[in-house]
Structures are given as C-alpha cells and as structure tokens.
C-alpha cells in the first residue's frame, strides 16, 4: 500500500533525526570486504573512469543490479571466463 505524502514526510523527518551511523545501520544489509589483485583493481579503476563513477560501491551496486536483471543464460554467458 502506497504511503500518503504526509506519511512520507513524517518518515523523512524521522530519518533526518538519526545520526549517520544509525542511518547506515538501518540501510545496510551487510558489509563485504574483499582483497583485490593488482589487475582486478586496475580493471575496476578503468571501468569507473569509463562510466564516470567516483565511488567503488556505486559501481559495484550497479553491476550487481545489472546482473540481477539478466536472464540465467545472459548471466552465465557474461561470467564465463574462458
């Protein structure tokens, strides 16, 4: 059920009162920490530059969402390394 404008505004005011840490805690599902090899890091930086994206997390989120929209066959073809 869609929220009314008044309900959305009330939710926004509640969110605005939260500290940054509290806001992140409500939004984040989990935190992934990964180590990158030099070639992978270089590829990440090239893709970020090509897409004009400044934050690694932004690019990774977009890649995840793009992969999620692919069919099973498209995804299998995309991640095939050989």
PDB file of N, CA and C in Angstrom:
ATOM      1  N   UNK A   1       0.834  -1.167   0.000  1.00  0.00           N
ATOM      2  CA  UNK A   1       0.000   0.000   0.000  1.00  0.00           C
ATOM      3  C   UNK A   1       0.890   1.244   0.000  1.00  0.00           C
ATOM      4  N   UNK A   2       0.599   2.167  -0.892  1.00  0.00           N
ATOM      5  CA  UNK A   2       1.409   3.379  -1.018  1.00  0.00           C
ATOM      6  C   UNK A   2       1.191   4.298   0.178  1.00  0.00           C
ATOM      7  N   UNK A   3       2.266   4.989   0.539  1.00  0.00           N
ATOM      8  CA  UNK A   3       2.183   5.936   1.654  1.00  0.00           C
ATOM      9  C   UNK A   3       1.648   7.266   1.148  1.00  0.00           C
ATOM     10  N   UNK A   4       0.978   7.953   2.024  1.00  0.00           N
ATOM     11  CA  UNK A   4       0.498   9.290   1.691  1.00  0.00           C
ATOM     12  C   UNK A   4       1.665  10.265   1.778  1.00  0.00           C
ATOM     13  N   UNK A   5       1.540  11.434   1.155  1.00  0.00           N
ATOM     14  CA  UNK A   5       2.623  12.426   1.277  1.00  0.00           C
ATOM     15  C   UNK A   5       2.939  12.777   2.729  1.00  0.00           C
ATOM     16  N   UNK A   6       1.944  12.828   3.575  1.00  0.00           N
ATOM     17  CA  UNK A   6       2.180  13.144   4.988  1.00  0.00           C
ATOM     18  C   UNK A   6       2.983  12.039   5.670  1.00  0.00           C
ATOM     19  N   UNK A   7       2.682  10.788   5.337  1.00  0.00           N
ATOM     20  CA  UNK A   7       3.425   9.664   5.926  1.00  0.00           C
ATOM     21  C   UNK A   7       4.880   9.673   5.448  1.00  0.00           C
ATOM     22  N   UNK A   8       5.083   9.949   4.154  1.00  0.00           N
ATOM     23  CA  UNK A   8       6.456  10.012   3.629  1.00  0.00           C
ATOM     24  C   UNK A   8       7.243  11.134   4.294  1.00  0.00           C
ATOM     25  N   UNK A   9       6.607  12.274   4.487  1.00  0.00           N
ATOM     26  CA  UNK A   9       7.280  13.414   5.127  1.00  0.00           C
ATOM     27  C   UNK A   9       7.626  13.086   6.575  1.00  0.00           C
ATOM     28  N   UNK A  10       6.706  12.425   7.297  1.00  0.00           N
ATOM     29  CA  UNK A  10       6.972  12.037   8.677  1.00  0.00           C
ATOM     30  C   UNK A  10       8.153  11.068   8.731  1.00  0.00           C
ATOM     31  N   UNK A  11       8.196  10.103   7.812  1.00  0.00           N
ATOM     32  CA  UNK A  11       9.322   9.166   7.760  1.00  0.00           C
ATOM     33  C   UNK A  11      10.630   9.896   7.475  1.00  0.00           C
ATOM     34  N   UNK A  12      10.570  10.883   6.567  1.00  0.00           N
ATOM     35  CA  UNK A  12      11.767  11.649   6.247  1.00  0.00           C
ATOM     36  C   UNK A  12      12.266  12.414   7.466  1.00  0.00           C
ATOM     37  N   UNK A  13      11.367  13.012   8.223  1.00  0.00           N
ATOM     38  CA  UNK A  13      11.771  13.746   9.431  1.00  0.00           C
ATOM     39  C   UNK A  13      12.420  12.811  10.444  1.00  0.00           C
ATOM     40  N   UNK A  14      11.883  11.605  10.574  1.00  0.00           N
ATOM     41  CA  UNK A  14      12.472  10.629  11.495  1.00  0.00           C
ATOM     42  C   UNK A  14      13.868  10.235  11.031  1.00  0.00           C
ATOM     43  N   UNK A  15      14.033  10.032   9.725  1.00  0.00           N
ATOM     44  CA  UNK A  15      15.350   9.682   9.191  1.00  0.00           C
ATOM     45  C   UNK A  15      16.343  10.817   9.392  1.00  0.00           C
ATOM     46  N   UNK A  16      15.891  12.048   9.210  1.00  0.00           N
ATOM     47  CA  UNK A  16      16.776  13.213   9.360  1.00  0.00           C
ATOM     48  C   UNK A  16      17.292  13.360  10.789  1.00  0.00           C
ATOM     49  N   UNK A  17      16.548  12.866  11.775  1.00  0.00           N
ATOM     50  CA  UNK A  17      16.964  12.961  13.177  1.00  0.00           C
ATOM     51  C   UNK A  17      18.043  11.938  13.533  1.00  0.00           C
ATOM     52  N   UNK A  18      18.180  10.899  12.728  1.00  0.00           N
ATOM     53  CA  UNK A  18      19.140   9.844  13.027  1.00  0.00           C
ATOM     54  C   UNK A  18      20.564  10.319  12.766  1.00  0.00           C
ATOM     55  N   UNK A  19      21.493   9.779  13.512  1.00  0.00           N
ATOM     56  CA  UNK A  19      22.899  10.050  13.235  1.00  0.00           C
ATOM     57  C   UNK A  19      23.285   9.262  11.980  1.00  0.00           C
ATOM     58  N   UNK A  20      24.410   9.598  11.381  1.00  0.00           N
ATOM     59  CA  UNK A  20      24.868   8.894  10.183  1.00  0.00           C
ATOM     60  C   UNK A  20      25.046   7.407  10.471  1.00  0.00           C
ATOM     61  N   UNK A  21      25.566   7.077  11.627  1.00  0.00           N
ATOM     62  CA  UNK A  21      25.768   5.673  11.998  1.00  0.00           C
ATOM     63  C   UNK A  21      24.433   4.935  12.105  1.00  0.00           C
ATOM     64  N   UNK A  22      23.448   5.563  12.716  1.00  0.00           N
ATOM     65  CA  UNK A  22      22.128   4.945  12.838  1.00  0.00           C
ATOM     66  C   UNK A  22      21.467   4.781  11.467  1.00  0.00           C
ATOM     67  N   UNK A  23      21.650   5.785  10.612  1.00  0.00           N
ATOM     68  CA  UNK A  23      21.077   5.724   9.266  1.00  0.00           C
ATOM     69  C   UNK A  23      21.689   4.563   8.487  1.00  0.00           C
ATOM     70  N   UNK A  24      23.006   4.436   8.553  1.00  0.00           N
ATOM     71  CA  UNK A  24      23.683   3.342   7.860  1.00  0.00           C
ATOM     72  C   UNK A  24      23.242   1.986   8.397  1.00  0.00           C
ATOM     73  N   UNK A  25      23.079   1.893   9.699  1.00  0.00           N
ATOM     74  CA  UNK A  25      22.657   0.631  10.310  1.00  0.00           C
ATOM     75  C   UNK A  25      21.279   0.212   9.806  1.00  0.00           C
ATOM     76  N   UNK A  26      20.396   1.180   9.573  1.00  0.00           N
ATOM     77  CA  UNK A  26      19.058   0.867   9.072  1.00  0.00           C
ATOM     78  C   UNK A  26      19.087   0.466   7.600  1.00  0.00           C
ATOM     79  N   UNK A  27      20.005   1.046   6.831  1.00  0.00           N
ATOM     80  CA  UNK A  27      20.045   0.822   5.394  1.00  0.00           C
ATOM     81  C   UNK A  27      20.834  -0.422   4.996  1.00  0.00           C
ATOM     82  N   UNK A  28      21.944  -0.672   5.685  1.00  0.00           N
ATOM     83  CA  UNK A  28      22.843  -1.743   5.268  1.00  0.00           C
ATOM     84  C   UNK A  28      22.314  -3.119   5.633  1.00  0.00           C
ATOM     85  N   UNK A  29      22.439  -4.016   4.678  1.00  0.00           N
ATOM     86  CA  UNK A  29      22.103  -5.408   4.920  1.00  0.00           C
ATOM     87  C   UNK A  29      23.329  -6.130   5.485  1.00  0.00           C
ATOM     88  N   UNK A  30      24.474  -5.881   4.847  1.00  0.00           N
ATOM     89  CA  UNK A  30      25.732  -6.443   5.324  1.00  0.00           C
ATOM     90  C   UNK A  30      26.890  -5.720   4.672  1.00  0.00           C
ATOM     91  N   UNK A  31      28.073  -5.957   5.167  1.00  0.00           N
ATOM     92  CA  UNK A  31      29.276  -5.319   4.662  1.00  0.00           C
ATOM     93  C   UNK A  31      30.184  -6.403   4.092  1.00  0.00           C
ATOM     94  N   UNK A  32      30.656  -6.182   2.878  1.00  0.00           N
ATOM     95  CA  UNK A  32      31.546  -7.147   2.229  1.00  0.00           C
ATOM     96  C   UNK A  32      32.922  -6.494   2.110  1.00  0.00           C
ATOM     97  N   UNK A  33      33.928  -7.161   2.605  1.00  0.00           N
ATOM     98  CA  UNK A  33      35.303  -6.689   2.495  1.00  0.00           C
ATOM     99  C   UNK A  33      36.035  -7.674   1.596  1.00  0.00           C
ATOM    100  N   UNK A  34      36.709  -7.158   0.591  1.00  0.00           N
ATOM    101  CA  UNK A  34      37.404  -8.052  -0.339  1.00  0.00           C
ATOM    102  C   UNK A  34      38.791  -7.524  -0.650  1.00  0.00           C
ATOM    103  N   UNK A  35      39.675  -8.430  -0.939  1.00  0.00           N
ATOM    104  CA  UNK A  35      41.024  -8.070  -1.353  1.00  0.00           C
ATOM    105  C   UNK A  35      41.089  -8.195  -2.866  1.00  0.00           C
ATOM    106  N   UNK A  36      41.675  -7.199  -3.521  1.00  0.00           N
ATOM    107  CA  UNK A  36      41.768  -7.210  -4.975  1.00  0.00           C
ATOM    108  C   UNK A  36      43.214  -7.407  -5.418  1.00  0.00           C
ATOM    109  N   UNK A  37      43.394  -8.242  -6.420  1.00  0.00           N
ATOM    110  CA  UNK A  37      44.699  -8.362  -7.057  1.00  0.00           C
ATOM    111  C   UNK A  37      44.929  -7.101  -7.892  1.00  0.00           C
ATOM    112  N   UNK A  38      46.178  -6.836  -8.233  1.00  0.00           N
ATOM    113  CA  UNK A  38      46.519  -5.613  -8.960  1.00  0.00           C
ATOM    114  C   UNK A  38      45.733  -5.484 -10.262  1.00  0.00           C
ATOM    115  N   UNK A  39      45.642  -6.563 -11.049  1.00  0.00           N
ATOM    116  CA  UNK A  39      44.932  -6.495 -12.326  1.00  0.00           C
ATOM    117  C   UNK A  39      43.439  -6.231 -12.131  1.00  0.00           C
ATOM    118  N   UNK A  40      42.846  -6.842 -11.097  1.00  0.00           N
ATOM    119  CA  UNK A  40      41.431  -6.600 -10.824  1.00  0.00           C
ATOM    120  C   UNK A  40      41.200  -5.159 -10.388  1.00  0.00           C
ATOM    121  N   UNK A  41      42.099  -4.625  -9.573  1.00  0.00           N
ATOM    122  CA  UNK A  41      41.976  -3.245  -9.126  1.00  0.00           C
ATOM    123  C   UNK A  41      42.121  -2.288 -10.303  1.00  0.00           C
ATOM    124  N   UNK A  42      43.054  -2.586 -11.194  1.00  0.00           N
ATOM    125  CA  UNK A  42      43.238  -1.742 -12.376  1.00  0.00           C
ATOM    126  C   UNK A  42      41.994  -1.785 -13.253  1.00  0.00           C
ATOM    127  N   UNK A  43      41.404  -2.966 -13.417  1.00  0.00           N
ATOM    128  CA  UNK A  43      40.180  -3.095 -14.215  1.00  0.00           C
ATOM    129  C   UNK A  43      39.035  -2.328 -13.563  1.00  0.00           C
ATOM    130  N   UNK A  44      38.920  -2.404 -12.251  1.00  0.00           N
ATOM    131  CA  UNK A  44      37.887  -1.668 -11.523  1.00  0.00           C
ATOM    132  C   UNK A  44      38.040  -0.165 -11.770  1.00  0.00           C
ATOM    133  N   UNK A  45      39.259   0.329 -11.674  1.00  0.00           N
ATOM    134  CA  UNK A  45      39.513   1.755 -11.885  1.00  0.00           C
ATOM    135  C   UNK A  45      39.203   2.170 -13.320  1.00  0.00           C
ATOM    136  N   UNK A  46      39.537   1.315 -14.301  1.00  0.00           N
ATOM    137  CA  UNK A  46      39.235   1.635 -15.702  1.00  0.00           C
ATOM    138  C   UNK A  46      37.731   1.715 -15.937  1.00  0.00           C
ATOM    139  N   UNK A  47      36.997   0.760 -15.397  1.00  0.00           N
ATOM    140  CA  UNK A  47      35.542   0.761 -15.568  1.00  0.00           C
ATOM    141  C   UNK A  47      34.937   1.988 -14.898  1.00  0.00           C
ATOM    142  N   UNK A  48      35.420   2.325 -13.707  1.00  0.00           N
ATOM    143  CA  UNK A  48      34.916   3.519 -13.018  1.00  0.00           C
ATOM    144  C   UNK A  48      35.162   4.763 -13.858  1.00  0.00           C
ATOM    145  N   UNK A  49      36.336   4.858 -14.462  1.00  0.00           N
ATOM    146  CA  UNK A  49      36.659   6.018 -15.281  1.00  0.00           C
ATOM    147  C   UNK A  49      35.785   6.044 -16.540  1.00  0.00           C
ATOM    148  N   UNK A  50      35.614   4.893 -17.180  1.00  0.00           N
ATOM    149  CA  UNK A  50      34.791   4.829 -18.396  1.00  0.00           C
ATOM    150  C   UNK A  50      33.350   5.223 -18.121  1.00  0.00           C
ATOM    151  N   UNK A  51      32.856   4.879 -16.940  1.00  0.00           N
ATOM    152  CA  UNK A  51      31.460   5.169 -16.576  1.00  0.00           C
ATOM    153  C   UNK A  51      31.320   6.488 -15.833  1.00  0.00           C
ATOM    154  N   UNK A  52      32.426   7.159 -15.567  1.00  0.00           N
ATOM    155  CA  UNK A  52      32.433   8.409 -14.801  1.00  0.00           C
ATOM    156  C   UNK A  52      31.771   8.218 -13.438  1.00  0.00           C
ATOM    157  N   UNK A  53      32.177   7.146 -12.766  1.00  0.00           N
ATOM    158  CA  UNK A  53      31.683   6.825 -11.427  1.00  0.00           C
ATOM    159  C   UNK A  53      32.851   6.995 -10.463  1.00  0.00           C
ATOM    160  N   UNK A  54      32.624   7.720  -9.384  1.00  0.00           N
ATOM    161  CA  UNK A  54      33.702   8.040  -8.454  1.00  0.00           C
ATOM    162  C   UNK A  54      33.815   7.081  -7.277  1.00  0.00           C
ATOM    163  N   UNK A  55      32.731   6.430  -6.894  1.00  0.00           N
ATOM    164  CA  UNK A  55      32.729   5.557  -5.719  1.00  0.00           C
ATOM    165  C   UNK A  55      32.698   4.088  -6.142  1.00  0.00           C
ATOM    166  N   UNK A  56      33.610   3.301  -5.587  1.00  0.00           N
ATOM    167  CA  UNK A  56      33.642   1.878  -5.899  1.00  0.00           C
ATOM    168  C   UNK A  56      32.300   1.217  -5.576  1.00  0.00           C
ATOM    169  N   UNK A  57      31.732   1.586  -4.436  1.00  0.00           N
ATOM    170  CA  UNK A  57      30.474   0.990  -4.006  1.00  0.00           C
ATOM    171  C   UNK A  57      29.360   1.263  -5.002  1.00  0.00           C
ATOM    172  N   UNK A  58      29.361   2.454  -5.599  1.00  0.00           N
ATOM    173  CA  UNK A  58      28.350   2.805  -6.588  1.00  0.00           C
ATOM    174  C   UNK A  58      28.451   1.877  -7.796  1.00  0.00           C
ATOM    175  N   UNK A  59      29.659   1.687  -8.313  1.00  0.00           N
ATOM    176  CA  UNK A  59      29.854   0.803  -9.461  1.00  0.00           C
ATOM    177  C   UNK A  59      29.463  -0.626  -9.120  1.00  0.00           C
ATOM    178  N   UNK A  60      29.898  -1.109  -7.970  1.00  0.00           N
ATOM    179  CA  UNK A  60      29.590  -2.487  -7.581  1.00  0.00           C
ATOM    180  C   UNK A  60      28.082  -2.685  -7.443  1.00  0.00           C
ATOM    181  N   UNK A  61      27.395  -1.718  -6.850  1.00  0.00           N
ATOM    182  CA  UNK A  61      25.937  -1.820  -6.724  1.00  0.00           C
ATOM    183  C   UNK A  61      25.270  -1.866  -8.090  1.00  0.00           C
ATOM    184  N   UNK A  62      25.736  -1.029  -9.017  1.00  0.00           N
ATOM    185  CA  UNK A  62      25.158  -1.023 -10.360  1.00  0.00           C
ATOM    186  C   UNK A  62      25.416  -2.332 -11.089  1.00  0.00           C
ATOM    187  N   UNK A  63      26.620  -2.884 -10.927  1.00  0.00           N
ATOM    188  CA  UNK A  63      26.926  -4.165 -11.556  1.00  0.00           C
ATOM    189  C   UNK A  63      26.053  -5.283 -10.997  1.00  0.00           C
ATOM    190  N   UNK A  64      25.859  -5.287  -9.695  1.00  0.00           N
ATOM    191  CA  UNK A  64      25.006  -6.298  -9.069  1.00  0.00           C
ATOM    192  C   UNK A  64      23.582  -6.189  -9.592  1.00  0.00           C
ATOM    193  N   UNK A  65      23.055  -4.983  -9.632  1.00  0.00           N
ATOM    194  CA  UNK A  65      21.669  -4.799 -10.103  1.00  0.00           C
ATOM    195  C   UNK A  65      21.527  -5.150 -11.577  1.00  0.00           C
ATOM    196  N   UNK A  66      22.540  -4.816 -12.372  1.00  0.00           N
ATOM    197  CA  UNK A  66      22.512  -5.176 -13.789  1.00  0.00           C
ATOM    198  C   UNK A  66      22.536  -6.681 -13.977  1.00  0.00           C
ATOM    199  N   UNK A  67      23.386  -7.363 -13.228  1.00  0.00           N
ATOM    200  CA  UNK A  67      23.456  -8.817 -13.313  1.00  0.00           C
ATOM    201  C   UNK A  67      22.150  -9.453 -12.848  1.00  0.00           C
ATOM    202  N   UNK A  68      21.517  -8.861 -11.877  1.00  0.00           N
ATOM    203  CA  UNK A  68      20.256  -9.392 -11.354  1.00  0.00           C
ATOM    204  C   UNK A  68      19.147  -9.319 -12.394  1.00  0.00           C
ATOM    205  N   UNK A  69      19.209  -8.352 -13.293  1.00  0.00           N
ATOM    206  CA  UNK A  69      18.183  -8.207 -14.332  1.00  0.00           C
ATOM    207  C   UNK A  69      18.415  -9.134 -15.524  1.00  0.00           C
ATOM    208  N   UNK A  70      19.594  -9.745 -15.620  1.00  0.00           N
ATOM    209  CA  UNK A  70      19.908 -10.633 -16.738  1.00  0.00           C
ATOM    210  C   UNK A  70      19.151 -11.944 -16.612  1.00  0.00           C
ATOM    211  N   UNK A  71      18.911 -12.574 -17.751  1.00  0.00           N
ATOM    212  CA  UNK A  71      18.370 -13.928 -17.723  1.00  0.00           C
ATOM    213  C   UNK A  71      19.473 -14.857 -17.231  1.00  0.00           C
ATOM    214  N   UNK A  72      19.107 -16.071 -16.865  1.00  0.00           N
ATOM    215  CA  UNK A  72      20.117 -17.038 -16.409  1.00  0.00           C
ATOM    216  C   UNK A  72      21.167 -17.276 -17.490  1.00  0.00           C
ATOM    217  N   UNK A  73      20.733 -17.370 -18.746  1.00  0.00           N
ATOM    218  CA  UNK A  73      21.673 -17.616 -19.845  1.00  0.00           C
ATOM    219  C   UNK A  73      22.583 -16.417 -20.074  1.00  0.00           C
ATOM    220  N   UNK A  74      22.028 -15.207 -20.024  1.00  0.00           N
ATOM    221  CA  UNK A  74      22.856 -14.000 -20.179  1.00  0.00           C
ATOM    222  C   UNK A  74      23.904 -13.922 -19.084  1.00  0.00           C
ATOM    223  N   UNK A  75      23.499 -14.229 -17.866  1.00  0.00           N
ATOM    224  CA  UNK A  75      24.432 -14.178 -16.742  1.00  0.00           C
ATOM    225  C   UNK A  75      25.526 -15.219 -16.908  1.00  0.00           C
ATOM    226  N   UNK A  76      25.143 -16.435 -17.287  1.00  0.00           N
ATOM    227  CA  UNK A  76      26.131 -17.499 -17.486  1.00  0.00           C
ATOM    228  C   UNK A  76      27.114 -17.109 -18.593  1.00  0.00           C
ATOM    229  N   UNK A  77      26.602 -16.527 -19.683  1.00  0.00           N
ATOM    230  CA  UNK A  77      27.492 -16.099 -20.770  1.00  0.00           C
ATOM    231  C   UNK A  77      28.412 -14.968 -20.323  1.00  0.00           C
ATOM    232  N   UNK A  78      27.891 -14.083 -19.506  1.00  0.00           N
ATOM    233  CA  UNK A  78      28.654 -12.911 -19.051  1.00  0.00           C
ATOM    234  C   UNK A  78      29.799 -13.297 -18.116  1.00  0.00           C
ATOM    235  N   UNK A  79      29.557 -14.235 -17.221  1.00  0.00           N
ATOM    236  CA  UNK A  79      30.601 -14.550 -16.239  1.00  0.00           C
ATOM    237  C   UNK A  79      31.534 -15.658 -16.679  1.00  0.00           C
ATOM    238  N   UNK A  80      31.293 -16.226 -17.852  1.00  0.00           N
ATOM    239  CA  UNK A  80      32.201 -17.274 -18.362  1.00  0.00           C
ATOM    240  C   UNK A  80      33.569 -16.645 -18.584  1.00  0.00           C
ATOM    241  N   UNK A  81      34.580 -17.242 -18.038  1.00  0.00           N
ATOM    242  CA  UNK A  81      35.934 -16.688 -18.114  1.00  0.00           C
ATOM    243  C   UNK A  81      36.726 -17.206 -19.292  1.00  0.00           C
ATOM    244  N   UNK A  82      36.314 -18.329 -19.882  1.00  0.00           N
ATOM    245  CA  UNK A  82      37.099 -18.877 -20.995  1.00  0.00           C
ATOM    246  C   UNK A  82      36.444 -18.627 -22.322  1.00  0.00           C
TER     247      UNK A  82
END
